[in-house]
Amino acid sequence: MTFTCKENGRLDAIMSKELALPRNQIEQLIKQVGVKIGTKETKKCSFKLKVDEVVEYDFVEAEKEKESYEVDFDIEVLYEDDDIMVINKPPFLTVHPAPSVKEATVVDWLIKRGISLSTISGEERHGIVHRIDKGTSGALVIAKNNEAHMGLSSQLVDKSMGRYYLAMIDVPLKEDTVVDKPIARNRNNRLKMDVVAGGRESKSAFCKLSLAKDEKRELISAKLFTGRTHQIRVHLHSLSRHVLGDDLYGFKSQKSKIPRVMLHAYILYLQHPITGEFMQVIAPPFEDFENIIKKHFNKDEVDEKMDSTYIIKRFSTFC
């Protein structure tokens, strides 16, 4: 595939603009695969392009790699075809390998299944277009080839792909609300993010769903307009609310009672990157999430409020 440069500038910046993909993914493409400028090949992101130079790029498929850790789990597949897969990621499972990860990941599971995966995000993130924190569960889309990966990534940029989350919080919201506050790394704790003046633009919407029987907790839904690290948790903390199990941002509880953050990516919506068909996939909550609902909430009311059409319509009325 080729394109003709229309302006002078850095290779990574111009490719990002030309292909409508995030710059970090273009950087990975250049470093991992390389591109050709006329007759010259380069893996240098800062290569200076000139007007009318022709850029040629070719995406190769990922080779299957030897597993570093034993994969002794399975993952529910919600949808699969030749181009994409949607899974229901369990809690306590990391999405992709990293130096600090000493256990099998979603990527390891995909490789074990023999899935052909895209390579744009680099060797350790085969097929991963977006991610979910280790403790968070729910819908995650996987790209099986680079064409699909590019299509999905462009949807992340233009916001035509997204998710609606379910969360159980420790103090009910006063009303449905939108939080539009910048987020950056917490200056005092590198494990945390925080609302920081001058941080990256961040916007979340929260919708009330069902009060607990004792009216001290609440099941809510959240929709993200940006994709910052810990965004839902940080924005709730700014409202003096916390997801059950989220002791990092202030929820007070013994880990033995609620061992993980009760946050679940419930509804995934996107356009199929190859066919263009609109898709909506629902990821059923896991047993630990359901058990808290059964114990502390009116199950019949929750089942009614968790209807996907109901949730989406609620957000459309105030966002």
C-alpha atoms as a PDB file:
ATOM      1  CA  MET A   1       0.000   0.000   0.000  1.00  0.00           C
ATOM      2  CA  THR A   2       1.254   3.479  -0.812  1.00  0.00           C
ATOM      3  CA  PHE A   3       0.452   7.173  -0.484  1.00  0.00           C
ATOM      4  CA  THR A   4       2.065  10.362  -1.777  1.00  0.00           C
ATOM      5  CA  CYS A   5       3.262  12.875   0.800  1.00  0.00           C
ATOM      6  CA  LYS A   6       1.425  16.215   0.610  1.00  0.00           C
ATOM      7  CA  GLU A   7       3.633  18.141   3.055  1.00  0.00           C
ATOM      8  CA  ASN A   8       7.065  18.173   4.671  1.00  0.00           C
ATOM      9  CA  GLY A   9       7.390  16.622   8.111  1.00  0.00           C
ATOM     10  CA  ARG A  10       8.219  13.615  10.283  1.00  0.00           C
ATOM     11  CA  LEU A  11       7.367  10.173   8.924  1.00  0.00           C
ATOM     12  CA  ASP A  12       5.377   9.078  11.989  1.00  0.00           C
ATOM     13  CA  ALA A  13       3.357  12.306  12.163  1.00  0.00           C
ATOM     14  CA  ILE A  14       2.471  12.286   8.472  1.00  0.00           C
ATOM     15  CA  MET A  15       1.579   8.567   8.429  1.00  0.00           C
ATOM     16  CA  SER A  16      -0.607   9.032  11.500  1.00  0.00           C
ATOM     17  CA  LYS A  17      -2.488  11.833   9.755  1.00  0.00           C
ATOM     18  CA  GLU A  18      -2.682  10.030   6.398  1.00  0.00           C
ATOM     19  CA  LEU A  19      -3.913   6.699   7.834  1.00  0.00           C
ATOM     20  CA  ALA A  20      -6.069   8.242  10.612  1.00  0.00           C
ATOM     21  CA  LEU A  21      -4.386   6.074  13.251  1.00  0.00           C
ATOM     22  CA  PRO A  22      -2.974   6.955  16.689  1.00  0.00           C
ATOM     23  CA  ARG A  23       0.639   8.049  16.459  1.00  0.00           C
ATOM     24  CA  ASN A  24       1.877   5.446  18.961  1.00  0.00           C
ATOM     25  CA  GLN A  25       0.532   2.653  16.763  1.00  0.00           C
ATOM     26  CA  ILE A  26       2.157   4.158  13.680  1.00  0.00           C
ATOM     27  CA  GLU A  27       5.457   4.314  15.593  1.00  0.00           C
ATOM     28  CA  GLN A  28       5.136   0.581  16.342  1.00  0.00           C
ATOM     29  CA  LEU A  29       4.403  -0.138  12.687  1.00  0.00           C
ATOM     30  CA  ILE A  30       7.494   1.753  11.539  1.00  0.00           C
ATOM     31  CA  LYS A  31       9.788   0.192  14.156  1.00  0.00           C
ATOM     32  CA  GLN A  32       8.491  -3.365  13.797  1.00  0.00           C
ATOM     33  CA  VAL A  33       7.782  -3.597  10.076  1.00  0.00           C
ATOM     34  CA  GLY A  34       9.504  -0.647   8.448  1.00  0.00           C
ATOM     35  CA  VAL A  35       8.416   1.407   5.447  1.00  0.00           C
ATOM     36  CA  LYS A  36       9.929   2.321   2.086  1.00  0.00           C
ATOM     37  CA  ILE A  37      10.451   5.916   0.954  1.00  0.00           C
ATOM     38  CA  GLY A  38      11.098   5.741  -2.782  1.00  0.00           C
ATOM     39  CA  THR A  39      13.900   3.170  -2.963  1.00  0.00           C
ATOM     40  CA  LYS A  40      15.035   3.630   0.664  1.00  0.00           C
ATOM     41  CA  GLU A  41      13.785   1.476   3.556  1.00  0.00           C
ATOM     42  CA  THR A  42      13.622   2.910   7.071  1.00  0.00           C
ATOM     43  CA  LYS A  43      12.483   2.072  10.593  1.00  0.00           C
ATOM     44  CA  LYS A  44      13.199   5.580  11.819  1.00  0.00           C
ATOM     45  CA  CYS A  45      10.083   7.407  13.047  1.00  0.00           C
ATOM     46  CA  SER A  46      11.759  10.817  12.753  1.00  0.00           C
ATOM     47  CA  PHE A  47      12.671  10.348   9.073  1.00  0.00           C
ATOM     48  CA  LYS A  48      12.040  13.684   7.304  1.00  0.00           C
ATOM     49  CA  LEU A  49       9.537  13.382   4.473  1.00  0.00           C
ATOM     50  CA  LYS A  50       9.306  15.840   1.616  1.00  0.00           C
ATOM     51  CA  VAL A  51       6.359  16.803  -0.575  1.00  0.00           C
ATOM     52  CA  ASP A  52       5.629  14.298  -3.385  1.00  0.00           C
ATOM     53  CA  GLU A  53       7.715  11.498  -1.863  1.00  0.00           C
ATOM     54  CA  VAL A  54       5.935   8.121  -2.094  1.00  0.00           C
ATOM     55  CA  VAL A  55       5.593   6.097   1.124  1.00  0.00           C
ATOM     56  CA  GLU A  56       5.147   2.348   0.730  1.00  0.00           C
ATOM     57  CA  TYR A  57       4.118   0.203   3.702  1.00  0.00           C
ATOM     58  CA  ASP A  58       3.352  -3.490   4.055  1.00  0.00           C
ATOM     59  CA  PHE A  59       1.772  -5.174   7.081  1.00  0.00           C
ATOM     60  CA  VAL A  60       2.948  -8.691   7.870  1.00  0.00           C
ATOM     61  CA  GLU A  61       1.005 -11.116  10.028  1.00  0.00           C
ATOM     62  CA  ALA A  62       2.226 -12.096  13.462  1.00  0.00           C
ATOM     63  CA  GLU A  63       4.145 -15.327  13.814  1.00  0.00           C
ATOM     64  CA  LYS A  64       3.084 -17.691  16.569  1.00  0.00           C
ATOM     65  CA  GLU A  65       5.395 -17.390  19.526  1.00  0.00           C
ATOM     66  CA  LYS A  66       6.413 -19.849  22.181  1.00  0.00           C
ATOM     67  CA  GLU A  67       4.446 -19.358  25.389  1.00  0.00           C
ATOM     68  CA  SER A  68       6.331 -17.986  28.350  1.00  0.00           C
ATOM     69  CA  TYR A  69       3.761 -19.108  30.916  1.00  0.00           C
ATOM     70  CA  GLU A  70       1.313 -21.980  31.147  1.00  0.00           C
ATOM     71  CA  VAL A  71      -2.185 -21.116  29.959  1.00  0.00           C
ATOM     72  CA  ASP A  72      -4.466 -23.021  32.342  1.00  0.00           C
ATOM     73  CA  PHE A  73      -7.672 -21.037  31.753  1.00  0.00           C
ATOM     74  CA  ASP A  74     -10.233 -20.444  29.037  1.00  0.00           C
ATOM     75  CA  ILE A  75     -12.043 -17.297  27.944  1.00  0.00           C
ATOM     76  CA  GLU A  76     -15.621 -16.963  26.700  1.00  0.00           C
ATOM     77  CA  VAL A  77     -15.795 -15.935  23.044  1.00  0.00           C
ATOM     78  CA  LEU A  78     -18.802 -13.681  22.413  1.00  0.00           C
ATOM     79  CA  TYR A  79     -18.268 -13.226  18.669  1.00  0.00           C
ATOM     80  CA  GLU A  80     -15.716 -14.422  16.119  1.00  0.00           C
ATOM     81  CA  ASP A  81     -15.122 -14.310  12.362  1.00  0.00           C
ATOM     82  CA  ASP A  82     -12.057 -14.193  10.101  1.00  0.00           C
ATOM     83  CA  ASP A  83     -11.216 -10.600  11.031  1.00  0.00           C
ATOM     84  CA  ILE A  84     -12.165  -9.952  14.655  1.00  0.00           C
ATOM     85  CA  MET A  85     -12.968 -11.682  17.917  1.00  0.00           C
ATOM     86  CA  VAL A  86     -14.868 -10.304  20.911  1.00  0.00           C
ATOM     87  CA  ILE A  87     -14.153 -11.940  24.272  1.00  0.00           C
ATOM     88  CA  ASN A  88     -15.521 -11.593  27.792  1.00  0.00           C
ATOM     89  CA  LYS A  89     -12.308 -10.957  29.722  1.00  0.00           C
ATOM     90  CA  PRO A  90     -12.401 -12.460  33.214  1.00  0.00           C
ATOM     91  CA  PRO A  91     -11.257 -10.465  36.247  1.00  0.00           C
ATOM     92  CA  PHE A  92      -7.685 -10.993  37.529  1.00  0.00           C
ATOM     93  CA  LEU A  93      -6.396 -11.556  33.972  1.00  0.00           C
ATOM     94  CA  THR A  94      -3.882  -9.178  32.362  1.00  0.00           C
ATOM     95  CA  VAL A  95      -4.480  -8.356  28.695  1.00  0.00           C
ATOM     96  CA  HIS A  96      -0.927  -8.415  27.309  1.00  0.00           C
ATOM     97  CA  PRO A  97       2.605  -9.321  28.463  1.00  0.00           C
ATOM     98  CA  ALA A  98       4.855  -6.763  30.124  1.00  0.00           C
ATOM     99  CA  PRO A  99       8.110  -6.972  32.104  1.00  0.00           C
ATOM    100  CA  SER A 100       6.156  -6.806  35.371  1.00  0.00           C
ATOM    101  CA  VAL A 101       3.663  -9.543  34.368  1.00  0.00           C
ATOM    102  CA  LYS A 102       4.730 -12.995  35.593  1.00  0.00           C
ATOM    103  CA  GLU A 103       1.714 -14.998  34.453  1.00  0.00           C
ATOM    104  CA  ALA A 104      -0.151 -15.948  31.294  1.00  0.00           C
ATOM    105  CA  THR A 105      -2.173 -13.175  29.626  1.00  0.00           C
ATOM    106  CA  VAL A 106      -5.010 -12.808  27.122  1.00  0.00           C
ATOM    107  CA  VAL A 107      -2.384 -12.625  24.361  1.00  0.00           C
ATOM    108  CA  ASP A 108      -0.853 -15.923  25.561  1.00  0.00           C
ATOM    109  CA  TRP A 109      -4.315 -17.525  25.411  1.00  0.00           C
ATOM    110  CA  LEU A 110      -4.861 -16.227  21.881  1.00  0.00           C
ATOM    111  CA  ILE A 111      -1.516 -17.603  20.714  1.00  0.00           C
ATOM    112  CA  LYS A 112      -2.246 -20.979  22.314  1.00  0.00           C
ATOM    113  CA  ARG A 113      -5.509 -21.130  20.346  1.00  0.00           C
ATOM    114  CA  GLY A 114      -3.530 -20.555  17.145  1.00  0.00           C
ATOM    115  CA  ILE A 115      -5.286 -17.289  16.340  1.00  0.00           C
ATOM    116  CA  SER A 116      -3.690 -15.242  13.551  1.00  0.00           C
ATOM    117  CA  LEU A 117      -3.230 -11.784  15.043  1.00  0.00           C
ATOM    118  CA  SER A 118      -2.399  -8.268  13.901  1.00  0.00           C
ATOM    119  CA  THR A 119       1.088  -6.887  14.522  1.00  0.00           C
ATOM    120  CA  ILE A 120       0.597  -3.120  14.524  1.00  0.00           C
ATOM    121  CA  SER A 121       0.832  -2.790  18.317  1.00  0.00           C
ATOM    122  CA  GLY A 122       4.122  -4.722  18.516  1.00  0.00           C
ATOM    123  CA  GLU A 123       5.158  -8.223  19.486  1.00  0.00           C
ATOM    124  CA  GLU A 124       3.792  -8.175  23.030  1.00  0.00           C
ATOM    125  CA  ARG A 125       0.384  -6.777  22.095  1.00  0.00           C
ATOM    126  CA  HIS A 126      -0.608  -8.938  19.131  1.00  0.00           C
ATOM    127  CA  GLY A 127      -4.185  -8.127  18.136  1.00  0.00           C
ATOM    128  CA  ILE A 128      -4.847  -5.794  21.069  1.00  0.00           C
ATOM    129  CA  VAL A 129      -6.708  -2.670  19.940  1.00  0.00           C
ATOM    130  CA  HIS A 130      -7.889  -1.466  23.360  1.00  0.00           C
ATOM    131  CA  ARG A 131      -7.491  -2.904  26.830  1.00  0.00           C
ATOM    132  CA  ILE A 132      -9.111  -3.391  30.236  1.00  0.00           C
ATOM    133  CA  ASP A 133      -7.358  -3.224  33.615  1.00  0.00           C
ATOM    134  CA  LYS A 134      -6.487  -6.555  35.230  1.00  0.00           C
ATOM    135  CA  GLY A 135      -9.215  -6.317  37.876  1.00  0.00           C
ATOM    136  CA  THR A 136     -11.878  -5.080  35.452  1.00  0.00           C
ATOM    137  CA  SER A 137     -13.852  -7.591  33.414  1.00  0.00           C
ATOM    138  CA  GLY A 138     -15.898  -7.510  30.238  1.00  0.00           C
ATOM    139  CA  ALA A 139     -16.006  -7.054  26.485  1.00  0.00           C
ATOM    140  CA  LEU A 140     -12.721  -6.770  24.603  1.00  0.00           C
ATOM    141  CA  VAL A 141     -12.289  -6.794  20.814  1.00  0.00           C
ATOM    142  CA  ILE A 142      -9.296  -8.507  19.188  1.00  0.00           C
ATOM    143  CA  ALA A 143      -8.001  -7.755  15.667  1.00  0.00           C
ATOM    144  CA  LYS A 144      -6.977 -10.856  13.705  1.00  0.00           C
ATOM    145  CA  ASN A 145      -5.209  -8.947  10.933  1.00  0.00           C
ATOM    146  CA  ASN A 146      -3.737  -5.507  10.350  1.00  0.00           C
ATOM    147  CA  GLU A 147      -6.538  -4.279   8.100  1.00  0.00           C
ATOM    148  CA  ALA A 148      -9.038  -4.986  10.867  1.00  0.00           C
ATOM    149  CA  HIS A 149      -6.714  -3.425  13.436  1.00  0.00           C
ATOM    150  CA  MET A 150      -6.445  -0.206  11.429  1.00  0.00           C
ATOM    151  CA  GLY A 151     -10.204  -0.033  10.995  1.00  0.00           C
ATOM    152  CA  LEU A 152     -10.882  -0.549  14.703  1.00  0.00           C
ATOM    153  CA  SER A 153      -8.172   1.914  15.740  1.00  0.00           C
ATOM    154  CA  SER A 154      -9.672   4.618  13.533  1.00  0.00           C
ATOM    155  CA  GLN A 155     -13.014   4.028  15.286  1.00  0.00           C
ATOM    156  CA  LEU A 156     -11.347   4.616  18.646  1.00  0.00           C
ATOM    157  CA  VAL A 157     -10.112   7.934  17.304  1.00  0.00           C
ATOM    158  CA  ASP A 158     -13.465   9.091  15.894  1.00  0.00           C
ATOM    159  CA  LYS A 159     -15.409   7.580  18.855  1.00  0.00           C
ATOM    160  CA  SER A 160     -17.605   5.331  16.684  1.00  0.00           C
ATOM    161  CA  MET A 161     -16.493   2.367  18.824  1.00  0.00           C
ATOM    162  CA  GLY A 162     -17.000   2.327  22.573  1.00  0.00           C
ATOM    163  CA  ARG A 163     -18.325   0.551  25.645  1.00  0.00           C
ATOM    164  CA  TYR A 164     -20.953   1.004  28.333  1.00  0.00           C
ATOM    165  CA  TYR A 165     -19.764  -0.172  31.752  1.00  0.00           C
ATOM    166  CA  LEU A 166     -21.549  -1.463  34.829  1.00  0.00           C
ATOM    167  CA  ALA A 167     -20.181  -0.439  38.220  1.00  0.00           C
ATOM    168  CA  MET A 168     -21.284  -0.855  41.817  1.00  0.00           C
ATOM    169  CA  ILE A 169     -20.396   2.179  43.946  1.00  0.00           C
ATOM    170  CA  ASP A 170     -20.232   2.832  47.686  1.00  0.00           C
ATOM    171  CA  VAL A 171     -22.386   5.997  47.762  1.00  0.00           C
ATOM    172  CA  PRO A 172     -25.358   6.624  45.418  1.00  0.00           C
ATOM    173  CA  LEU A 173     -25.076   9.429  42.880  1.00  0.00           C
ATOM    174  CA  LYS A 174     -27.324  12.427  43.434  1.00  0.00           C
ATOM    175  CA  GLU A 175     -28.289  12.401  39.757  1.00  0.00           C
ATOM    176  CA  ASP A 176     -27.129  11.301  36.330  1.00  0.00           C
ATOM    177  CA  THR A 177     -24.063  13.356  35.554  1.00  0.00           C
ATOM    178  CA  VAL A 178     -21.221  14.088  33.136  1.00  0.00           C
ATOM    179  CA  VAL A 179     -17.686  14.642  34.468  1.00  0.00           C
ATOM    180  CA  ASP A 180     -15.368  16.608  32.175  1.00  0.00           C
ATOM    181  CA  LYS A 181     -12.072  16.943  34.069  1.00  0.00           C
ATOM    182  CA  PRO A 182      -8.453  16.497  32.883  1.00  0.00           C
ATOM    183  CA  ILE A 183      -6.512  13.455  34.101  1.00  0.00           C
ATOM    184  CA  ALA A 184      -2.776  12.968  34.651  1.00  0.00           C
ATOM    185  CA  ARG A 185      -0.469  10.863  36.828  1.00  0.00           C
ATOM    186  CA  ASN A 186      -0.873  11.457  40.570  1.00  0.00           C
ATOM    187  CA  ARG A 187       2.132  13.469  41.743  1.00  0.00           C
ATOM    188  CA  ASN A 188       2.436  11.598  45.049  1.00  0.00           C
ATOM    189  CA  ASN A 189       1.576   8.035  44.012  1.00  0.00           C
ATOM    190  CA  ARG A 190       2.764   6.736  40.637  1.00  0.00           C
ATOM    191  CA  LEU A 191       0.248   3.869  40.795  1.00  0.00           C
ATOM    192  CA  LYS A 192      -2.649   6.327  40.673  1.00  0.00           C
ATOM    193  CA  MET A 193      -4.065   8.828  38.232  1.00  0.00           C
ATOM    194  CA  ASP A 194      -5.763  12.037  39.354  1.00  0.00           C
ATOM    195  CA  VAL A 195      -7.728  15.063  38.191  1.00  0.00           C
ATOM    196  CA  VAL A 196      -4.908  17.491  37.413  1.00  0.00           C
ATOM    197  CA  ALA A 197      -5.048  20.942  35.836  1.00  0.00           C
ATOM    198  CA  GLY A 198      -3.240  20.738  32.518  1.00  0.00           C
ATOM    199  CA  GLY A 199      -3.751  16.965  32.278  1.00  0.00           C
ATOM    200  CA  ARG A 200      -5.208  15.156  29.274  1.00  0.00           C
ATOM    201  CA  GLU A 201      -8.799  15.978  28.366  1.00  0.00           C
ATOM    202  CA  SER A 202     -11.095  13.360  29.914  1.00  0.00           C
ATOM    203  CA  LYS A 203     -14.874  13.032  29.834  1.00  0.00           C
ATOM    204  CA  SER A 204     -17.179  10.409  31.402  1.00  0.00           C
ATOM    205  CA  ALA A 205     -20.941  10.071  31.840  1.00  0.00           C
ATOM    206  CA  PHE A 206     -22.626   8.236  34.705  1.00  0.00           C
ATOM    207  CA  CYS A 207     -26.199   6.973  34.823  1.00  0.00           C
ATOM    208  CA  LYS A 208     -28.079   5.732  37.915  1.00  0.00           C
ATOM    209  CA  LEU A 209     -29.576   2.237  37.527  1.00  0.00           C
ATOM    210  CA  SER A 210     -30.591   0.626  40.823  1.00  0.00           C
ATOM    211  CA  LEU A 211     -30.241   1.353  44.554  1.00  0.00           C
ATOM    212  CA  ALA A 212     -29.227  -1.434  46.920  1.00  0.00           C
ATOM    213  CA  LYS A 213     -31.807  -2.678  49.415  1.00  0.00           C
ATOM    214  CA  ASP A 214     -30.168  -0.645  52.201  1.00  0.00           C
ATOM    215  CA  GLU A 215     -29.875   2.368  49.833  1.00  0.00           C
ATOM    216  CA  LYS A 216     -26.183   2.714  50.745  1.00  0.00           C
ATOM    217  CA  ARG A 217     -24.823   1.306  47.476  1.00  0.00           C
ATOM    218  CA  GLU A 218     -25.843   1.746  43.875  1.00  0.00           C
ATOM    219  CA  LEU A 219     -25.506   0.010  40.538  1.00  0.00           C
ATOM    220  CA  ILE A 220     -24.660   2.533  37.832  1.00  0.00           C
ATOM    221  CA  SER A 221     -23.633   2.552  34.188  1.00  0.00           C
ATOM    222  CA  ALA A 222     -20.750   4.566  32.742  1.00  0.00           C
ATOM    223  CA  LYS A 223     -19.906   5.721  29.235  1.00  0.00           C
ATOM    224  CA  LEU A 224     -16.481   7.041  28.231  1.00  0.00           C
ATOM    225  CA  PHE A 225     -15.879   9.792  25.693  1.00  0.00           C
ATOM    226  CA  THR A 226     -12.103   9.477  26.139  1.00  0.00           C
ATOM    227  CA  GLY A 227      -9.939   6.520  27.109  1.00  0.00           C
ATOM    228  CA  ARG A 228      -7.616   7.488  29.949  1.00  0.00           C
ATOM    229  CA  THR A 229      -6.069   5.077  32.447  1.00  0.00           C
ATOM    230  CA  HIS A 230      -8.441   4.457  35.398  1.00  0.00           C
ATOM    231  CA  GLN A 231     -10.768   7.127  33.988  1.00  0.00           C
ATOM    232  CA  ILE A 232     -14.032   5.863  35.501  1.00  0.00           C
ATOM    233  CA  ARG A 233     -12.430   5.353  38.893  1.00  0.00           C
ATOM    234  CA  VAL A 234     -10.719   8.756  38.891  1.00  0.00           C
ATOM    235  CA  HIS A 235     -13.832  10.654  37.836  1.00  0.00           C
ATOM    236  CA  LEU A 236     -15.958   8.854  40.441  1.00  0.00           C
ATOM    237  CA  HIS A 237     -13.328   9.690  43.079  1.00  0.00           C
ATOM    238  CA  SER A 238     -13.683  13.352  42.084  1.00  0.00           C
ATOM    239  CA  LEU A 239     -17.373  12.990  43.019  1.00  0.00           C
ATOM    240  CA  SER A 240     -16.411  11.342  46.355  1.00  0.00           C
ATOM    241  CA  ARG A 241     -17.703   8.000  45.066  1.00  0.00           C
ATOM    242  CA  HIS A 242     -15.752   4.765  44.640  1.00  0.00           C
ATOM    243  CA  VAL A 243     -16.271   1.450  42.890  1.00  0.00           C
ATOM    244  CA  LEU A 244     -16.729  -1.406  45.351  1.00  0.00           C
ATOM    245  CA  GLY A 245     -13.398  -3.154  45.826  1.00  0.00           C
ATOM    246  CA  ASP A 246     -11.367  -0.176  44.592  1.00  0.00           C
ATOM    247  CA  ASP A 247      -9.134   0.408  47.607  1.00  0.00           C
ATOM    248  CA  LEU A 248      -6.575   2.251  45.424  1.00  0.00           C
ATOM    249  CA  TYR A 249      -8.924   5.224  45.062  1.00  0.00           C
ATOM    250  CA  GLY A 250     -10.507   5.148  48.479  1.00  0.00           C
ATOM    251  CA  PHE A 251     -13.098   2.394  48.896  1.00  0.00           C
ATOM    252  CA  LYS A 252     -12.830   1.072  52.484  1.00  0.00           C
ATOM    253  CA  SER A 253     -13.221  -2.686  52.576  1.00  0.00           C
ATOM    254  CA  GLN A 254     -11.369  -5.869  53.461  1.00  0.00           C
ATOM    255  CA  LYS A 255      -9.941  -7.465  50.323  1.00  0.00           C
ATOM    256  CA  SER A 256     -11.227 -10.867  51.465  1.00  0.00           C
ATOM    257  CA  LYS A 257     -14.792  -9.573  51.086  1.00  0.00           C
ATOM    258  CA  ILE A 258     -14.467  -7.757  47.750  1.00  0.00           C
ATOM    259  CA  PRO A 259     -11.162  -8.837  46.172  1.00  0.00           C
ATOM    260  CA  ARG A 260     -11.413  -6.848  42.939  1.00  0.00           C
ATOM    261  CA  VAL A 261     -12.868  -3.688  41.421  1.00  0.00           C
ATOM    262  CA  MET A 262     -16.553  -4.243  40.648  1.00  0.00           C
ATOM    263  CA  LEU A 263     -16.358  -2.701  37.179  1.00  0.00           C
ATOM    264  CA  HIS A 264     -17.504  -4.558  34.054  1.00  0.00           C
ATOM    265  CA  ALA A 265     -17.436  -3.578  30.361  1.00  0.00           C
ATOM    266  CA  TYR A 266     -21.005  -4.624  29.584  1.00  0.00           C
ATOM    267  CA  ILE A 267     -21.931  -3.379  26.095  1.00  0.00           C
ATOM    268  CA  LEU A 268     -19.447  -3.047  23.221  1.00  0.00           C
ATOM    269  CA  TYR A 269     -20.544  -1.214  20.064  1.00  0.00           C
ATOM    270  CA  LEU A 270     -18.582  -0.848  16.822  1.00  0.00           C
ATOM    271  CA  GLN A 271     -18.722  -1.053  13.053  1.00  0.00           C
ATOM    272  CA  HIS A 272     -17.209  -4.219  11.659  1.00  0.00           C
ATOM    273  CA  PRO A 273     -13.852  -2.981  10.285  1.00  0.00           C
ATOM    274  CA  ILE A 274     -14.218  -4.951   7.038  1.00  0.00           C
ATOM    275  CA  THR A 275     -17.949  -5.212   6.296  1.00  0.00           C
ATOM    276  CA  GLY A 276     -19.001  -1.912   7.884  1.00  0.00           C
ATOM    277  CA  GLU A 277     -21.905  -3.628   9.686  1.00  0.00           C
ATOM    278  CA  PHE A 278     -22.919  -2.039  13.002  1.00  0.00           C
ATOM    279  CA  MET A 279     -22.402  -4.459  15.868  1.00  0.00           C
ATOM    280  CA  GLN A 280     -23.440  -4.489  19.509  1.00  0.00           C
ATOM    281  CA  VAL A 281     -22.108  -7.232  21.785  1.00  0.00           C
ATOM    282  CA  ILE A 282     -23.163  -7.825  25.394  1.00  0.00           C
ATOM    283  CA  ALA A 283     -20.749  -9.413  27.885  1.00  0.00           C
ATOM    284  CA  PRO A 284     -22.587 -11.125  30.775  1.00  0.00           C
ATOM    285  CA  PRO A 285     -21.233 -10.120  34.222  1.00  0.00           C
ATOM    286  CA  PHE A 286     -19.183 -12.725  36.076  1.00  0.00           C
ATOM    287  CA  GLU A 287     -20.276 -14.740  39.102  1.00  0.00           C
ATOM    288  CA  ASP A 288     -18.634 -12.474  41.694  1.00  0.00           C
ATOM    289  CA  PHE A 289     -20.460  -9.452  40.243  1.00  0.00           C
ATOM    290  CA  GLU A 290     -23.768 -11.332  40.103  1.00  0.00           C
ATOM    291  CA  ASN A 291     -23.384 -12.573  43.689  1.00  0.00           C
ATOM    292  CA  ILE A 292     -23.216  -9.019  45.047  1.00  0.00           C
ATOM    293  CA  ILE A 293     -26.307  -8.101  43.030  1.00  0.00           C
ATOM    294  CA  LYS A 294     -28.213 -11.088  44.420  1.00  0.00           C
ATOM    295  CA  LYS A 295     -27.158 -10.316  47.982  1.00  0.00           C
ATOM    296  CA  HIS A 296     -27.617  -6.550  48.119  1.00  0.00           C
ATOM    297  CA  PHE A 297     -29.995  -5.552  45.298  1.00  0.00           C
ATOM    298  CA  ASN A 298     -33.467  -6.354  44.034  1.00  0.00           C
ATOM    299  CA  LYS A 299     -32.559  -8.866  41.319  1.00  0.00           C
ATOM    300  CA  ASP A 300     -35.763  -8.371  39.288  1.00  0.00           C
ATOM    301  CA  GLU A 301     -35.267  -4.595  39.184  1.00  0.00           C
ATOM    302  CA  VAL A 302     -31.593  -4.969  38.233  1.00  0.00           C
ATOM    303  CA  ASP A 303     -32.441  -7.392  35.425  1.00  0.00           C
ATOM    304  CA  GLU A 304     -34.897  -4.851  34.037  1.00  0.00           C
ATOM    305  CA  LYS A 305     -32.439  -1.940  34.302  1.00  0.00           C
ATOM    306  CA  MET A 306     -29.577  -3.934  32.740  1.00  0.00           C
ATOM    307  CA  ASP A 307     -31.440  -4.193  29.444  1.00  0.00           C
ATOM    308  CA  SER A 308     -29.045  -2.814  26.817  1.00  0.00           C
ATOM    309  CA  THR A 309     -31.722  -0.756  25.053  1.00  0.00           C
ATOM    310  CA  TYR A 310     -32.716   0.838  28.364  1.00  0.00           C
ATOM    311  CA  ILE A 311     -29.117   1.755  29.259  1.00  0.00           C
ATOM    312  CA  ILE A 312     -28.288   3.260  25.883  1.00  0.00           C
ATOM    313  CA  LYS A 313     -31.524   5.255  25.824  1.00  0.00           C
ATOM    314  CA  ARG A 314     -30.819   6.646  29.311  1.00  0.00           C
ATOM    315  CA  PHE A 315     -27.506   8.077  28.181  1.00  0.00           C
ATOM    316  CA  SER A 316     -29.006   9.578  25.039  1.00  0.00           C
ATOM    317  CA  THR A 317     -31.335  11.701  27.172  1.00  0.00           C
ATOM    318  CA  PHE A 318     -28.597  13.621  28.989  1.00  0.00           C
ATOM    319  CA  CYS A 319     -25.370  13.283  26.952  1.00  0.00           C
END
